[in-house]
Amino acid sequence: NTALKEYCETRDYMTFVDAGRMTYDGTQYRTDLFIKDGIHLNHTGQLKWRDEYIKLAIETLIETYPELSRIRK
């Protein structure tokens, strides 16, 4: 994640969305948010990711780049 975040910071058109706080408490992963493979989010995890991370990132981008607001329509 650190490398991806640093890479995104060098690109105007990229935003790093870190969902680590959502899935990892510092000692263990929240298994209730993942399907059996332990990698991919289940439906509950996807909704949480969308509502708490992705929507916020999109809103921030629209505030930074107002011309993107036409995409929402």
N, C-alpha and C. Protein backbone atom coordinates (compact mmCIF):
# COMPACT_ATOMS: atom_id res chain seq x y z
N ASN A 1 0.81 -1.20 0.00
CA ASN A 1 0.00 0.00 0.00
C ASN A 1 0.85 1.26 0.00
N THR A 2 1.95 1.23 0.71
CA THR A 2 2.81 2.41 0.77
C THR A 2 3.33 2.76 -0.62
N ALA A 3 3.78 1.76 -1.36
CA ALA A 3 4.30 2.00 -2.70
C ALA A 3 3.20 2.51 -3.63
N LEU A 4 2.01 1.95 -3.53
CA LEU A 4 0.90 2.42 -4.36
C LEU A 4 0.52 3.85 -4.01
N LYS A 5 0.48 4.17 -2.73
CA LYS A 5 0.15 5.53 -2.31
C LYS A 5 1.17 6.52 -2.85
N GLU A 6 2.44 6.18 -2.71
CA GLU A 6 3.50 7.07 -3.21
C GLU A 6 3.41 7.25 -4.72
N TYR A 7 3.11 6.18 -5.42
CA TYR A 7 2.96 6.27 -6.88
C TYR A 7 1.81 7.19 -7.25
N CYS A 8 0.68 7.01 -6.59
CA CYS A 8 -0.49 7.85 -6.88
C CYS A 8 -0.21 9.32 -6.60
N GLU A 9 0.61 9.59 -5.61
CA GLU A 9 0.94 10.98 -5.28
C GLU A 9 1.75 11.66 -6.37
N THR A 10 2.36 10.89 -7.25
CA THR A 10 3.15 11.47 -8.34
C THR A 10 2.31 11.68 -9.60
N ARG A 11 1.04 11.31 -9.56
CA ARG A 11 0.16 11.42 -10.72
C ARG A 11 -1.05 12.29 -10.36
N ASP A 12 -1.29 13.33 -11.15
CA ASP A 12 -2.44 14.20 -10.89
C ASP A 12 -3.76 13.47 -11.08
N TYR A 13 -3.78 12.48 -11.91
CA TYR A 13 -5.02 11.80 -12.28
C TYR A 13 -5.30 10.55 -11.45
N MET A 14 -4.51 10.30 -10.42
CA MET A 14 -4.71 9.11 -9.59
C MET A 14 -4.94 9.51 -8.13
N THR A 15 -5.80 8.75 -7.48
CA THR A 15 -6.07 8.95 -6.06
C THR A 15 -5.98 7.60 -5.37
N PHE A 16 -5.23 7.55 -4.31
CA PHE A 16 -5.09 6.32 -3.55
C PHE A 16 -6.19 6.26 -2.50
N VAL A 17 -6.92 5.16 -2.49
CA VAL A 17 -7.98 4.96 -1.50
C VAL A 17 -7.54 3.80 -0.62
N ASP A 18 -7.20 4.12 0.62
CA ASP A 18 -6.70 3.11 1.55
C ASP A 18 -7.83 2.59 2.43
N ALA A 19 -8.25 1.38 2.15
CA ALA A 19 -9.32 0.77 2.94
C ALA A 19 -8.74 -0.11 4.06
N GLY A 20 -7.46 0.01 4.30
CA GLY A 20 -6.81 -0.80 5.33
C GLY A 20 -7.42 -0.63 6.70
N ARG A 21 -7.78 0.60 7.04
CA ARG A 21 -8.40 0.83 8.35
C ARG A 21 -9.72 0.10 8.48
N MET A 22 -10.38 -0.10 7.36
CA MET A 22 -11.67 -0.79 7.37
C MET A 22 -11.50 -2.29 7.57
N THR A 23 -10.44 -2.84 7.03
CA THR A 23 -10.30 -4.30 7.01
C THR A 23 -9.29 -4.85 8.01
N TYR A 24 -8.46 -3.99 8.60
CA TYR A 24 -7.39 -4.47 9.49
C TYR A 24 -7.29 -3.56 10.70
N ASP A 25 -7.36 -4.13 11.89
CA ASP A 25 -7.34 -3.31 13.11
C ASP A 25 -5.95 -3.19 13.74
N GLY A 26 -4.94 -3.66 13.05
CA GLY A 26 -3.58 -3.61 13.57
C GLY A 26 -3.09 -4.94 14.10
N THR A 27 -4.02 -5.82 14.37
CA THR A 27 -3.65 -7.16 14.84
C THR A 27 -4.28 -8.27 14.01
N GLN A 28 -5.46 -8.01 13.47
CA GLN A 28 -6.11 -9.04 12.67
C GLN A 28 -7.04 -8.44 11.64
N TYR A 29 -7.33 -9.22 10.60
CA TYR A 29 -8.25 -8.79 9.55
C TYR A 29 -9.68 -9.08 9.96
N ARG A 30 -10.58 -8.26 9.50
CA ARG A 30 -12.01 -8.46 9.76
C ARG A 30 -12.54 -9.50 8.79
N THR A 31 -12.60 -10.71 9.21
CA THR A 31 -13.04 -11.80 8.34
C THR A 31 -14.49 -11.67 7.92
N ASP A 32 -15.28 -10.91 8.66
CA ASP A 32 -16.70 -10.75 8.31
C ASP A 32 -16.90 -9.92 7.04
N LEU A 33 -15.84 -9.28 6.55
CA LEU A 33 -15.95 -8.45 5.35
C LEU A 33 -15.44 -9.13 4.09
N PHE A 34 -14.93 -10.35 4.22
CA PHE A 34 -14.31 -11.05 3.10
C PHE A 34 -15.04 -12.34 2.76
N ILE A 35 -14.92 -12.75 1.48
CA ILE A 35 -15.41 -14.07 1.11
C ILE A 35 -14.37 -15.09 1.59
N LYS A 36 -14.63 -16.35 1.36
CA LYS A 36 -13.78 -17.42 1.90
C LYS A 36 -12.31 -17.32 1.49
N ASP A 37 -12.01 -16.72 0.34
CA ASP A 37 -10.60 -16.66 -0.08
C ASP A 37 -9.78 -15.68 0.77
N GLY A 38 -10.45 -14.86 1.58
CA GLY A 38 -9.75 -13.94 2.46
C GLY A 38 -9.12 -12.76 1.75
N ILE A 39 -9.37 -12.62 0.47
CA ILE A 39 -8.77 -11.54 -0.33
C ILE A 39 -9.84 -10.56 -0.82
N HIS A 40 -10.89 -11.10 -1.35
CA HIS A 40 -11.94 -10.28 -1.95
C HIS A 40 -13.04 -9.97 -0.95
N LEU A 41 -13.55 -8.74 -1.03
CA LEU A 41 -14.62 -8.32 -0.14
C LEU A 41 -15.93 -9.01 -0.49
N ASN A 42 -16.70 -9.35 0.53
CA ASN A 42 -18.05 -9.87 0.31
C ASN A 42 -18.98 -8.67 0.08
N HIS A 43 -20.26 -8.93 -0.06
CA HIS A 43 -21.20 -7.86 -0.37
C HIS A 43 -21.20 -6.78 0.71
N THR A 44 -21.21 -7.18 1.96
CA THR A 44 -21.18 -6.23 3.07
C THR A 44 -19.90 -5.38 3.01
N GLY A 45 -18.78 -6.01 2.76
CA GLY A 45 -17.51 -5.30 2.65
C GLY A 45 -17.50 -4.34 1.48
N GLN A 46 -18.08 -4.76 0.36
CA GLN A 46 -18.13 -3.90 -0.82
C GLN A 46 -18.98 -2.66 -0.56
N LEU A 47 -20.11 -2.85 0.12
CA LEU A 47 -20.97 -1.70 0.42
C LEU A 47 -20.28 -0.74 1.38
N LYS A 48 -19.59 -1.28 2.38
CA LYS A 48 -18.85 -0.45 3.33
C LYS A 48 -17.75 0.32 2.61
N TRP A 49 -17.03 -0.36 1.73
CA TRP A 49 -15.95 0.26 0.96
C TRP A 49 -16.51 1.39 0.10
N ARG A 50 -17.63 1.11 -0.58
CA ARG A 50 -18.26 2.13 -1.41
C ARG A 50 -18.70 3.34 -0.59
N ASP A 51 -19.44 3.08 0.49
CA ASP A 51 -20.04 4.15 1.26
C ASP A 51 -19.03 4.97 2.07
N GLU A 52 -18.00 4.32 2.60
CA GLU A 52 -17.07 5.00 3.50
C GLU A 52 -15.77 5.45 2.85
N TYR A 53 -15.50 4.97 1.63
CA TYR A 53 -14.23 5.29 1.00
C TYR A 53 -14.38 5.82 -0.42
N ILE A 54 -15.03 5.07 -1.28
CA ILE A 54 -15.11 5.43 -2.69
C ILE A 54 -15.94 6.69 -2.91
N LYS A 55 -17.10 6.77 -2.29
CA LYS A 55 -17.93 7.97 -2.46
C LYS A 55 -17.18 9.21 -1.98
N LEU A 56 -16.50 9.11 -0.86
CA LEU A 56 -15.73 10.24 -0.34
C LEU A 56 -14.61 10.63 -1.31
N ALA A 57 -13.93 9.64 -1.87
CA ALA A 57 -12.85 9.93 -2.83
C ALA A 57 -13.41 10.62 -4.07
N ILE A 58 -14.55 10.18 -4.56
CA ILE A 58 -15.15 10.80 -5.74
C ILE A 58 -15.59 12.23 -5.43
N GLU A 59 -16.20 12.43 -4.27
CA GLU A 59 -16.62 13.78 -3.89
C GLU A 59 -15.41 14.72 -3.77
N THR A 60 -14.33 14.22 -3.22
CA THR A 60 -13.11 15.02 -3.09
C THR A 60 -12.55 15.39 -4.46
N LEU A 61 -12.56 14.43 -5.38
CA LEU A 61 -12.09 14.70 -6.74
C LEU A 61 -12.95 15.74 -7.43
N ILE A 62 -14.26 15.67 -7.24
CA ILE A 62 -15.16 16.63 -7.87
C ILE A 62 -14.94 18.03 -7.30
N GLU A 63 -14.66 18.11 -6.00
CA GLU A 63 -14.35 19.42 -5.40
C GLU A 63 -13.04 19.97 -5.97
N THR A 64 -12.07 19.10 -6.18
CA THR A 64 -10.77 19.51 -6.69
C THR A 64 -10.84 19.84 -8.18
N TYR A 65 -11.61 19.06 -8.92
CA TYR A 65 -11.75 19.22 -10.37
C TYR A 65 -13.23 19.39 -10.70
N PRO A 66 -13.77 20.59 -10.56
CA PRO A 66 -15.21 20.82 -10.77
C PRO A 66 -15.72 20.35 -12.12
N GLU A 67 -14.85 20.32 -13.11
CA GLU A 67 -15.29 19.88 -14.45
C GLU A 67 -15.75 18.42 -14.43
N LEU A 68 -15.38 17.67 -13.41
CA LEU A 68 -15.83 16.28 -13.30
C LEU A 68 -17.29 16.17 -12.89
N SER A 69 -17.87 17.23 -12.40
CA SER A 69 -19.24 17.17 -11.90
C SER A 69 -20.22 16.79 -13.00
N ARG A 70 -19.90 17.07 -14.23
CA ARG A 70 -20.80 16.69 -15.33
C ARG A 70 -20.90 15.18 -15.47
N ILE A 71 -19.93 14.45 -14.99
CA ILE A 71 -19.94 12.99 -15.09
C ILE A 71 -21.02 12.40 -14.18
N ARG A 72 -21.31 13.05 -13.09
CA ARG A 72 -22.31 12.57 -12.12
C ARG A 72 -23.69 12.53 -12.72
N LYS A 73 -23.98 13.36 -13.69
CA LYS A 73 -25.34 13.49 -14.23
C LYS A 73 -25.71 12.33 -15.10
